[in-house]
Amino acid sequence: MAYFSKKCGICTLLSLGGVFITLGIVFALFWTTLYNGILTTELVLTNSSKSYQLWKDTPIPIYMNVYMFNWTNSKEVVESNWTIKPQLRECGPYVFSEHHVRVNVSWNTENQTVTFQQVKTWKFIPSLSNGTLNDSITNINPIATVIGNKARNLPVFLKEALNLLLVKMHETLYFTKTVGDLIFVGVDDPILKVLDKFKVKLPFKKFGWFYSRNNSATYDGVFTMNTGKKDMNLLGDLSLWNGNANTTAYNGTCGHVNGTTGELWPPVVNREDIEIFASDICGQLFFKHNGSETILNVEGKKFIGTDYTFDNGTKYPEQSCYQSGKVIPSGARSISVCRFGSPAYISYPHFYLGDPSYLKQVKGLKPNKTEHESHITIEPVTGITLSAKVQLQLNLYLESIEGMRVILFVIFSNIPPIYMPMIWFSQVATLPQKYCSMTNLLVGLRSVGHYVGWIVFSIGLLMSIIGFILIYKNNTVEEEEDHLIESEA
């Protein structure tokens, strides 16, 4: 009886060893496929996926830091007929919390895309700010500047009449307003109501850099984005904006709708460049791989903004389609078509990475990498954003306008060509510890599966070896017993 029990135990040990070896090999060899399936289930955008819940109502804290430029010698510059340079003083930051919610979501199953709008909400945070919304800021009057720019091609007599109107309504080249009015509340100017007489149409009732944008579902437009279901490498990539694959703001490839909205990324393991499509500028922001960065114990691939983004073909010929009618030094991009025909230009803060000529036009700018570089750090396997700081500066272009003259008062005369910095802002986000831990777990599973597979294989192999040793010993003992029996006989 003991003999058969011993035999049965060895057979069981060998059977389990074989099962463990088989499971270990299958697990180790096919874990990558299984892991990718798990990853796809979690990250691809569907109405039931984890990524959808995080994308639809973003729980990650985002902050917008706003800096205003105060023109401290505006009166002296104008009275000197611009023979002296404008002196600027940076004020801020004025810090706002920023929350994103996607609305009017519809799924396009025929091409695996999703169409949506987004609502962004900002709330001022006094405790984090250096100043209040009642701070006074003096700088170029954007309303007068936009009017002058739109009137540039009008007949001379209309320009003169328009200039008289500006004088009569006490419109000046510069004004002083509060930070709150200049950002979200808006500046109410009576001249906006009478401009139709001069065929100068403006699409706003008040002026503010972010006027009518807070809590608006329509301001940013309508986006159509790949869900990643057809191809994980397309996750988050935009295909249409306002129903079009081209913005019409720029010629050639510069007008194409490319990149993501900046919050949902595909795996970036093999990517050296990434793009964000920014509806504010009707175009892309480019980021280049620049090493790695560890955020709360999660290692990510770091991408930074370079001089490529705001080049106009002077350094990189393929960027010449951003010229918008004229060649300007590298470092600023015209967004006039995108911003109601205003003479607006976008750049990095303090013209960081821009041509030195921009800095020579004004005093008070001090560009540096630490404060003014834009960067995004992404966990490469999952595409989860670990950290982001995207920074942009708005500038108004000024120059003399022929025909804008009256005997006693001239608003647009004697102005040398100048790109006047107005405001710059920084959108900052860092993945909280809770989500970093989840990301670590998700990334760790990639290696754990292989380790578990080979551990199970090793256990099975050990069990099999022990089983064969026991069989060998058992056979040896039986042979010795048989030999003894034969000897005794």
Protein backbone atom coordinates (compact mmCIF):
# COMPACT_ATOMS: atom_id res chain seq x y z
CA MET A 1 0.00 0.00 0.00
CA ALA A 2 2.84 2.39 0.88
CA TYR A 3 4.48 1.53 -2.42
CA PHE A 4 1.49 2.67 -4.45
CA SER A 5 1.07 5.79 -2.29
CA LYS A 6 4.68 6.72 -2.93
CA LYS A 7 4.27 6.15 -6.66
CA CYS A 8 1.10 8.26 -6.69
CA GLY A 9 2.87 11.15 -4.91
CA ILE A 10 5.74 11.14 -7.40
CA CYS A 11 3.31 11.12 -10.34
CA THR A 12 1.40 14.04 -8.81
CA LEU A 13 4.66 15.95 -8.29
CA LEU A 14 5.70 15.36 -11.91
CA SER A 15 2.25 16.30 -13.21
CA LEU A 16 2.18 19.55 -11.25
CA GLY A 17 5.73 20.28 -12.37
CA GLY A 18 4.70 19.83 -15.99
CA VAL A 19 1.66 22.08 -15.50
CA PHE A 20 3.78 24.78 -13.82
CA ILE A 21 6.41 24.59 -16.56
CA THR A 22 3.76 24.95 -19.26
CA LEU A 23 1.99 27.84 -17.46
CA GLY A 24 5.30 29.57 -16.78
CA ILE A 25 6.41 29.40 -20.41
CA VAL A 26 3.01 30.56 -21.70
CA PHE A 27 2.87 33.36 -19.12
CA ALA A 28 6.43 34.55 -19.85
CA LEU A 29 6.15 34.37 -23.63
CA PHE A 30 2.63 35.75 -24.02
CA TRP A 31 2.47 38.21 -21.11
CA THR A 32 3.32 41.16 -23.37
CA THR A 33 0.28 40.39 -25.51
CA LEU A 34 -1.91 39.98 -22.42
CA TYR A 35 -0.49 43.18 -20.87
CA ASN A 36 -1.11 45.17 -24.04
CA GLY A 37 -4.68 43.94 -23.98
CA ILE A 38 -5.09 45.14 -20.38
CA LEU A 39 -3.44 48.46 -21.27
CA THR A 40 -5.69 48.93 -24.28
CA THR A 41 -8.79 48.21 -22.21
CA GLU A 42 -7.79 50.81 -19.63
CA LEU A 43 -6.44 53.54 -21.91
CA VAL A 44 -8.45 53.43 -25.13
CA LEU A 45 -11.29 55.94 -24.98
CA THR A 46 -14.68 54.25 -24.69
CA ASN A 47 -17.72 55.26 -22.69
CA SER A 48 -16.82 52.63 -20.09
CA SER A 49 -13.01 52.87 -19.89
CA LYS A 50 -11.10 54.30 -16.94
CA SER A 51 -9.38 56.83 -19.19
CA TYR A 52 -12.75 58.19 -20.33
CA GLN A 53 -13.80 59.06 -16.78
CA LEU A 54 -10.52 60.89 -16.17
CA TRP A 55 -10.68 62.65 -19.54
CA LYS A 56 -14.33 63.71 -19.40
CA ASP A 57 -14.00 65.50 -16.07
CA THR A 58 -10.30 66.07 -15.41
CA PRO A 59 -9.53 65.54 -11.69
CA ILE A 60 -5.91 66.67 -11.97
CA PRO A 61 -5.23 70.13 -10.47
CA ILE A 62 -4.33 72.66 -13.19
CA TYR A 63 -3.23 76.22 -12.53
CA MET A 64 -2.95 79.20 -14.85
CA ASN A 65 -0.39 81.78 -13.79
CA VAL A 66 -0.91 85.11 -15.52
CA TYR A 67 1.75 87.82 -15.79
CA MET A 68 0.97 91.34 -17.01
CA PHE A 69 3.42 93.86 -18.45
CA ASN A 70 3.07 97.35 -16.99
CA TRP A 71 4.34 100.10 -19.34
CA THR A 72 5.88 102.47 -16.78
CA ASN A 73 7.03 105.28 -19.11
CA SER A 74 4.14 105.30 -21.61
CA LYS A 75 3.57 109.09 -21.48
CA GLU A 76 7.23 109.89 -21.93
CA VAL A 77 7.60 107.55 -24.91
CA VAL A 78 4.60 108.96 -26.77
CA GLU A 79 5.54 112.59 -26.03
CA SER A 80 9.08 111.92 -27.27
CA ASN A 81 7.67 110.60 -30.57
CA TRP A 82 9.06 107.19 -29.65
CA THR A 83 12.65 108.36 -29.49
CA ILE A 84 12.99 106.51 -26.18
CA LYS A 85 12.23 102.83 -25.58
CA PRO A 86 9.22 101.54 -23.63
CA GLN A 87 10.12 100.38 -20.12
CA LEU A 88 8.18 97.31 -18.99
CA ARG A 89 7.70 95.90 -15.51
CA GLU A 90 6.36 92.37 -15.09
CA CYS A 91 3.48 92.07 -12.60
CA GLY A 92 2.12 88.86 -11.10
CA PRO A 93 1.65 86.02 -11.11
CA TYR A 94 -2.12 86.21 -10.82
CA VAL A 95 -2.99 82.57 -10.17
CA PHE A 96 -6.20 80.86 -11.24
CA SER A 97 -7.31 77.26 -10.73
CA GLU A 98 -8.37 75.70 -14.04
CA HIS A 99 -10.87 72.89 -14.47
CA HIS A 100 -11.73 71.06 -17.73
CA VAL A 101 -14.96 69.23 -18.53
CA ARG A 102 -15.87 67.66 -21.90
CA VAL A 103 -19.46 68.13 -23.01
CA ASN A 104 -21.66 67.22 -25.98
CA VAL A 105 -19.67 64.02 -26.46
CA SER A 106 -20.66 61.88 -29.46
CA TRP A 107 -19.01 58.67 -30.67
CA ASN A 108 -18.21 58.11 -34.35
CA THR A 109 -18.00 54.33 -34.59
CA GLU A 110 -17.39 54.31 -38.33
CA ASN A 111 -13.88 55.75 -37.91
CA GLN A 112 -13.35 55.27 -34.15
CA THR A 113 -13.28 58.97 -33.26
CA VAL A 114 -15.10 61.06 -30.69
CA THR A 115 -16.49 64.58 -31.19
CA PHE A 116 -16.78 66.94 -28.23
CA GLN A 117 -16.63 70.46 -26.86
CA GLN A 118 -14.88 71.52 -23.69
CA VAL A 119 -15.75 73.84 -20.85
CA LYS A 120 -12.89 75.47 -18.99
CA THR A 121 -13.52 77.15 -15.64
CA TRP A 122 -11.12 79.51 -13.90
CA LYS A 123 -11.23 80.74 -10.29
CA PHE A 124 -8.86 83.33 -8.86
CA ILE A 125 -6.68 82.15 -5.94
CA PRO A 126 -5.52 85.21 -3.93
CA SER A 127 -3.33 83.16 -1.57
CA LEU A 128 -1.11 81.96 -4.42
CA SER A 129 -1.03 85.29 -6.29
CA ASN A 130 1.40 88.17 -6.13
CA GLY A 131 -1.13 90.98 -6.38
CA THR A 132 -4.90 91.39 -6.71
CA LEU A 133 -7.33 91.69 -9.60
CA ASN A 134 -7.66 95.40 -8.72
CA ASP A 135 -4.02 96.11 -9.60
CA SER A 136 -3.70 98.80 -12.29
CA ILE A 137 -1.86 97.97 -15.50
CA THR A 138 -0.82 100.46 -18.18
CA ASN A 139 -0.08 99.21 -21.67
CA ILE A 140 -1.09 99.50 -25.31
CA ASN A 141 -4.82 99.99 -25.85
CA PRO A 142 -5.74 96.81 -27.77
CA ILE A 143 -9.06 98.25 -28.92
CA ALA A 144 -7.45 101.28 -30.60
CA THR A 145 -4.72 99.03 -32.01
CA VAL A 146 -7.20 96.58 -33.54
CA ILE A 147 -9.21 99.47 -35.00
CA GLY A 148 -6.08 101.01 -36.49
CA ASN A 149 -4.97 97.71 -37.96
CA LYS A 150 -8.37 97.05 -39.53
CA ALA A 151 -8.48 100.59 -40.92
CA ARG A 152 -5.03 100.29 -42.48
CA ASN A 153 -6.38 99.65 -45.96
CA LEU A 154 -9.31 102.09 -45.84
CA PRO A 155 -9.29 105.23 -48.06
CA VAL A 156 -7.39 108.16 -46.55
CA PHE A 157 -10.52 110.24 -45.86
CA LEU A 158 -12.03 107.37 -43.86
CA LYS A 159 -8.80 106.98 -41.91
CA GLU A 160 -8.89 110.70 -41.05
CA ALA A 161 -12.55 110.47 -40.02
CA LEU A 162 -11.83 107.42 -37.90
CA ASN A 163 -8.92 109.16 -36.22
CA LEU A 164 -11.15 112.16 -35.42
CA LEU A 165 -13.64 109.75 -33.88
CA LEU A 166 -10.91 108.20 -31.75
CA VAL A 167 -9.90 111.67 -30.54
CA LYS A 168 -13.48 112.76 -29.89
CA MET A 169 -14.10 109.66 -27.78
CA HIS A 170 -10.82 110.23 -25.91
CA GLU A 171 -9.30 107.04 -27.27
CA THR A 172 -5.54 106.84 -26.74
CA LEU A 173 -2.74 104.55 -27.82
CA TYR A 174 -2.33 103.34 -24.24
CA PHE A 175 -4.68 103.03 -21.28
CA THR A 176 -4.72 101.98 -17.63
CA LYS A 177 -7.12 99.25 -16.53
CA THR A 178 -7.39 96.72 -13.72
CA VAL A 179 -6.03 93.20 -14.03
CA GLY A 180 -9.53 91.78 -13.59
CA ASP A 181 -10.93 93.86 -16.47
CA LEU A 182 -8.03 92.97 -18.76
CA ILE A 183 -8.30 89.23 -18.16
CA PHE A 184 -11.88 87.98 -17.71
CA VAL A 185 -14.32 90.84 -16.97
CA GLY A 186 -13.56 92.80 -20.13
CA VAL A 187 -13.11 96.51 -20.88
CA ASP A 188 -16.33 98.25 -21.94
CA ASP A 189 -15.44 100.88 -24.54
CA PRO A 190 -18.18 103.08 -26.10
CA ILE A 191 -16.33 103.22 -29.41
CA LEU A 192 -17.13 99.56 -30.04
CA LYS A 193 -20.79 100.53 -30.52
CA VAL A 194 -20.18 103.08 -33.29
CA LEU A 195 -17.58 101.30 -35.42
CA ASP A 196 -20.12 99.86 -37.86
CA LYS A 197 -20.41 103.33 -39.41
CA PHE A 198 -16.81 102.95 -40.56
CA LYS A 199 -17.24 99.35 -41.68
CA VAL A 200 -14.90 98.22 -38.94
CA LYS A 201 -16.54 95.15 -37.42
CA LEU A 202 -15.27 93.56 -34.25
CA PRO A 203 -16.60 90.24 -32.91
CA PHE A 204 -16.72 91.28 -29.25
CA LYS A 205 -18.70 93.72 -27.11
CA LYS A 206 -15.94 94.08 -24.56
CA PHE A 207 -12.21 93.53 -24.69
CA GLY A 208 -10.45 91.10 -22.36
CA TRP A 209 -7.67 88.61 -23.03
CA PHE A 210 -9.93 85.80 -21.78
CA TYR A 211 -13.25 87.64 -22.06
CA SER A 212 -16.31 85.38 -22.65
CA ARG A 213 -14.17 82.27 -22.27
CA ASN A 214 -14.85 81.32 -18.64
CA ASN A 215 -17.46 78.51 -18.46
CA SER A 216 -18.02 78.64 -22.22
CA ALA A 217 -18.68 75.43 -24.15
CA THR A 218 -18.34 77.13 -27.54
CA TYR A 219 -15.22 79.30 -27.23
CA ASP A 220 -12.65 76.60 -28.01
CA GLY A 221 -14.71 75.11 -30.84
CA VAL A 222 -15.64 71.53 -31.69
CA PHE A 223 -12.95 68.83 -31.65
CA THR A 224 -12.89 65.41 -33.30
CA MET A 225 -10.30 63.08 -31.81
CA ASN A 226 -9.10 59.52 -32.31
CA THR A 227 -10.13 57.16 -29.50
CA GLY A 228 -7.20 54.78 -30.04
CA LYS A 229 -9.50 51.82 -30.65
CA LYS A 230 -8.41 51.44 -34.26
CA ASP A 231 -4.76 52.16 -33.48
CA MET A 232 -3.41 52.78 -29.97
CA ASN A 233 -0.71 55.03 -31.46
CA LEU A 234 -3.42 57.46 -32.61
CA LEU A 235 -4.99 57.86 -29.16
CA GLY A 236 -5.76 61.52 -28.49
CA ASP A 237 -4.70 62.77 -31.94
CA LEU A 238 -7.09 65.33 -33.40
CA SER A 239 -8.43 64.79 -36.90
CA LEU A 240 -10.86 67.75 -37.16
CA TRP A 241 -11.44 71.12 -35.55
CA ASN A 242 -14.82 72.73 -36.15
CA GLY A 243 -15.44 70.02 -38.70
CA ASN A 244 -12.36 70.78 -40.80
CA ALA A 245 -8.98 69.09 -41.18
CA ASN A 246 -7.41 72.49 -41.94
CA THR A 247 -7.69 75.73 -39.96
CA THR A 248 -7.31 78.07 -43.01
CA ALA A 249 -5.24 80.31 -40.68
CA TYR A 250 -1.99 79.24 -42.35
CA ASN A 251 -0.92 77.83 -45.69
CA GLY A 252 0.23 74.30 -46.47
CA THR A 253 1.04 71.89 -43.68
CA CYS A 254 1.04 74.71 -41.11
CA GLY A 255 -2.73 74.84 -41.42
CA HIS A 256 -3.30 71.14 -40.77
CA VAL A 257 -5.06 70.06 -37.61
CA ASN A 258 -2.47 67.83 -35.89
CA GLY A 259 -1.51 66.84 -32.37
CA THR A 260 -3.51 66.37 -29.19
CA THR A 261 -5.29 68.80 -26.88
CA GLY A 262 -2.46 68.18 -24.43
CA GLU A 263 -4.15 65.89 -21.91
CA LEU A 264 -4.53 62.53 -23.64
CA TRP A 265 -1.49 60.94 -25.27
CA PRO A 266 -0.69 57.63 -26.97
CA PRO A 267 2.40 55.66 -25.85
CA VAL A 268 5.46 57.80 -26.64
CA VAL A 269 8.16 55.13 -26.29
CA ASN A 270 9.28 55.59 -29.89
CA ARG A 271 8.45 59.28 -30.31
CA GLU A 272 11.07 62.00 -30.49
CA ASP A 273 8.58 64.83 -31.10
CA ILE A 274 5.05 65.58 -29.94
CA GLU A 275 2.54 68.30 -30.85
CA ILE A 276 -0.24 70.13 -29.04
CA PHE A 277 -2.99 71.73 -31.08
CA ALA A 278 -3.94 75.02 -29.41
CA SER A 279 -7.26 76.46 -30.57
CA ASP A 280 -6.25 79.89 -29.18
CA ILE A 281 -3.60 80.18 -31.88
CA CYS A 282 -5.23 77.96 -34.53
CA GLY A 283 -2.10 75.88 -34.76
CA GLN A 284 0.45 73.59 -33.19
CA LEU A 285 3.02 73.85 -30.46
CA PHE A 286 5.98 71.53 -30.99
CA PHE A 287 7.96 69.73 -28.28
CA LYS A 288 11.18 67.78 -28.70
CA HIS A 289 12.44 64.86 -26.59
CA ASN A 290 15.06 66.03 -24.11
CA GLY A 291 16.02 63.33 -21.63
CA SER A 292 13.95 61.94 -18.79
CA GLU A 293 12.48 63.18 -15.53
CA THR A 294 11.19 61.36 -12.44
CA ILE A 295 7.93 62.63 -10.94
CA LEU A 296 6.92 61.03 -7.59
CA ASN A 297 8.93 57.88 -8.36
CA VAL A 298 7.55 57.53 -11.88
CA GLU A 299 10.09 57.97 -14.68
CA GLY A 300 8.85 59.91 -17.67
CA LYS A 301 10.06 61.03 -21.05
CA LYS A 302 10.61 64.80 -21.08
CA PHE A 303 9.74 66.97 -24.08
CA ILE A 304 10.64 70.68 -24.29
CA GLY A 305 9.65 73.61 -26.45
CA THR A 306 12.43 74.67 -28.84
CA ASP A 307 13.13 77.48 -31.28
CA TYR A 308 11.43 75.38 -33.97
CA THR A 309 7.94 76.26 -32.70
CA PHE A 310 7.99 80.00 -33.41
CA ASP A 311 10.31 80.01 -36.38
CA ASN A 312 8.97 81.46 -39.62
CA GLY A 313 11.29 79.77 -42.09
CA THR A 314 14.44 81.75 -41.27
CA LYS A 315 15.96 78.76 -39.43
CA TYR A 316 13.76 75.90 -40.57
CA PRO A 317 12.52 76.23 -44.18
CA GLU A 318 9.51 73.96 -43.55
CA GLN A 319 8.17 76.58 -41.11
CA SER A 320 7.90 79.26 -43.81
CA CYS A 321 4.16 78.60 -44.14
CA TYR A 322 3.74 80.50 -40.85
CA GLN A 323 4.94 83.75 -42.44
CA SER A 324 1.42 85.13 -43.06
CA GLY A 325 2.40 87.53 -45.79
CA LYS A 326 5.74 88.77 -44.49
CA VAL A 327 8.98 87.40 -43.12
CA ILE A 328 9.70 88.33 -39.52
CA PRO A 329 12.61 87.30 -37.28
CA SER A 330 12.39 83.86 -35.68
CA GLY A 331 10.71 83.82 -32.30
CA ALA A 332 7.16 85.09 -32.93
CA ARG A 333 4.19 83.86 -34.97
CA SER A 334 1.33 85.94 -36.33
CA ILE A 335 -2.11 84.82 -35.10
CA SER A 336 -3.98 87.69 -36.76
CA VAL A 337 -6.31 85.45 -38.78
CA CYS A 338 -7.11 83.52 -35.62
CA ARG A 339 -7.64 86.62 -33.47
CA PHE A 340 -10.21 88.68 -35.42
CA GLY A 341 -7.63 90.39 -37.64
CA SER A 342 -5.79 91.98 -34.73
CA PRO A 343 -2.02 92.55 -35.07
CA ALA A 344 -1.37 89.84 -32.47
CA TYR A 345 1.75 87.69 -32.29
CA ILE A 346 2.49 84.73 -30.07
CA SER A 347 5.90 83.88 -28.61
CA TYR A 348 7.54 82.32 -25.59
CA PRO A 349 7.64 84.55 -22.46
CA HIS A 350 10.13 87.40 -22.71
CA PHE A 351 10.82 86.28 -26.31
CA TYR A 352 12.76 83.30 -24.94
CA LEU A 353 14.62 81.55 -27.82
CA GLY A 354 13.62 84.42 -30.12
CA ASP A 355 15.75 86.66 -32.30
CA PRO A 356 17.63 89.31 -30.23
CA SER A 357 15.95 92.07 -32.26
CA TYR A 358 12.74 91.64 -30.23
CA LEU A 359 14.56 92.37 -26.97
CA LYS A 360 16.16 95.51 -28.37
CA GLN A 361 12.77 97.17 -28.93
CA VAL A 362 11.83 97.41 -25.23
CA LYS A 363 13.45 97.43 -21.80
CA GLY A 364 12.66 95.12 -18.89
CA LEU A 365 12.68 91.69 -20.53
CA LYS A 366 14.99 88.98 -19.18
CA PRO A 367 14.44 85.64 -20.92
CA ASN A 368 15.85 82.53 -19.25
CA LYS A 369 15.43 78.76 -19.56
CA THR A 370 14.45 78.10 -15.93
CA GLU A 371 11.45 80.45 -15.89
CA HIS A 372 10.36 80.56 -19.51
CA GLU A 373 10.86 77.11 -21.01
CA SER A 374 7.79 75.01 -21.82
CA HIS A 375 7.97 71.29 -21.11
CA ILE A 376 5.84 68.14 -20.81
CA THR A 377 6.86 64.90 -19.10
CA ILE A 378 4.98 61.77 -20.21
CA GLU A 379 5.18 58.21 -18.91
CA PRO A 380 6.24 56.52 -22.19
CA VAL A 381 4.36 53.19 -21.95
CA THR A 382 0.95 54.48 -20.84
CA GLY A 383 1.07 58.00 -22.33
CA ILE A 384 -0.01 59.47 -18.98
CA THR A 385 1.09 63.08 -18.44
CA LEU A 386 3.18 63.34 -15.27
CA SER A 387 3.99 67.03 -15.43
CA ALA A 388 3.34 69.93 -17.79
CA LYS A 389 4.18 73.61 -18.05
CA VAL A 390 3.06 75.30 -21.26
CA GLN A 391 3.88 79.02 -21.49
CA LEU A 392 2.92 81.61 -24.10
CA GLN A 393 3.18 85.37 -24.49
CA LEU A 394 0.82 87.65 -26.42
CA ASN A 395 2.32 90.64 -28.20
CA LEU A 396 0.77 93.45 -30.24
CA TYR A 397 2.54 94.72 -33.33
CA LEU A 398 2.64 98.52 -33.70
CA GLU A 399 3.79 100.79 -36.49
CA SER A 400 2.82 104.14 -37.98
CA ILE A 401 -0.29 104.14 -40.19
CA GLU A 402 -0.32 106.56 -43.10
CA GLY A 403 -3.36 108.81 -43.19
CA MET A 404 -4.14 108.50 -39.47
CA ARG A 405 -3.45 112.16 -38.69
CA VAL A 406 -5.19 115.25 -37.37
CA ILE A 407 -3.72 118.67 -36.67
CA LEU A 408 -3.63 118.50 -32.87
CA PHE A 409 -3.60 114.80 -32.09
CA VAL A 410 -1.95 111.85 -33.76
CA ILE A 411 -2.45 108.36 -32.35
CA PHE A 412 -0.71 106.22 -34.93
CA SER A 413 2.17 108.44 -36.03
CA ASN A 414 5.92 108.23 -35.40
CA ILE A 415 5.66 104.67 -34.10
CA PRO A 416 8.63 102.51 -35.06
CA PRO A 417 7.86 98.87 -35.88
CA ILE A 418 7.64 97.19 -32.48
CA TYR A 419 6.31 93.94 -31.02
CA MET A 420 4.92 95.09 -27.68
CA PRO A 421 4.61 92.40 -24.95
CA MET A 422 1.19 92.55 -23.27
CA ILE A 423 0.64 89.42 -21.19
CA TRP A 424 2.07 85.96 -20.72
CA PHE A 425 0.56 82.95 -19.04
CA SER A 426 1.68 79.57 -17.82
CA GLN A 427 -0.54 76.48 -17.56
CA VAL A 428 0.91 74.16 -14.94
CA ALA A 429 -0.16 70.64 -13.91
CA THR A 430 1.46 67.81 -11.96
CA LEU A 431 -0.03 64.34 -11.56
CA PRO A 432 -1.01 63.84 -7.88
CA GLN A 433 0.49 61.03 -5.76
CA LYS A 434 -2.69 58.93 -6.04
CA TYR A 435 -2.51 58.77 -9.83
CA CYS A 436 1.28 58.41 -9.85
CA SER A 437 0.89 55.27 -7.71
CA MET A 438 -1.72 53.91 -10.12
CA THR A 439 0.59 54.67 -13.04
CA ASN A 440 3.49 52.93 -11.28
CA LEU A 441 1.32 49.85 -10.75
CA LEU A 442 0.19 49.83 -14.37
CA VAL A 443 3.76 50.21 -15.65
CA GLY A 444 5.10 47.68 -13.14
CA LEU A 445 2.73 45.01 -14.42
CA ARG A 446 4.68 45.03 -17.66
CA SER A 447 7.72 43.48 -15.95
CA VAL A 448 5.93 41.62 -13.16
CA GLY A 449 4.19 39.31 -15.64
CA HIS A 450 7.50 38.13 -17.08
CA TYR A 451 9.00 37.61 -13.61
CA VAL A 452 5.96 35.68 -12.40
CA GLY A 453 6.06 33.52 -15.56
CA TRP A 454 9.70 32.56 -15.08
CA ILE A 455 9.21 32.00 -11.33
CA VAL A 456 6.31 29.62 -12.03
CA PHE A 457 8.44 27.91 -14.70
CA SER A 458 11.31 27.56 -12.22
CA ILE A 459 9.02 26.07 -9.55
CA GLY A 460 7.65 23.60 -12.11
CA LEU A 461 11.16 22.70 -13.24
CA LEU A 462 12.28 22.19 -9.63
CA MET A 463 9.26 19.99 -8.92
CA SER A 464 9.99 17.93 -12.03
CA ILE A 465 13.65 17.52 -11.10
CA ILE A 466 12.70 16.40 -7.59
CA GLY A 467 10.20 14.00 -9.07
CA PHE A 468 12.78 12.44 -11.40
CA ILE A 469 15.28 12.20 -8.53
CA LEU A 470 12.69 10.40 -6.42
CA ILE A 471 11.95 8.03 -9.31
CA TYR A 472 15.66 7.38 -9.73
CA LYS A 473 16.15 6.69 -6.03
CA ASN A 474 13.04 4.54 -5.90
CA ASN A 475 14.25 2.45 -8.86
CA THR A 476 17.69 2.10 -7.27
CA VAL A 477 16.19 0.85 -4.01
CA GLU A 478 14.00 -1.66 -5.88
CA GLU A 479 17.01 -3.00 -7.80
CA GLU A 480 18.99 -3.43 -4.57
CA GLU A 481 16.08 -5.28 -2.93
CA ASP A 482 15.71 -7.56 -5.93
CA HIS A 483 19.47 -8.28 -5.84
CA LEU A 484 19.33 -9.20 -2.17
CA ILE A 485 16.37 -11.54 -2.71
CA GLU A 486 18.21 -13.31 -5.54
CA SER A 487 21.35 -13.68 -3.36
CA GLU A 488 19.42 -15.20 -0.48
CA ALA A 489 17.79 -17.66 -2.84
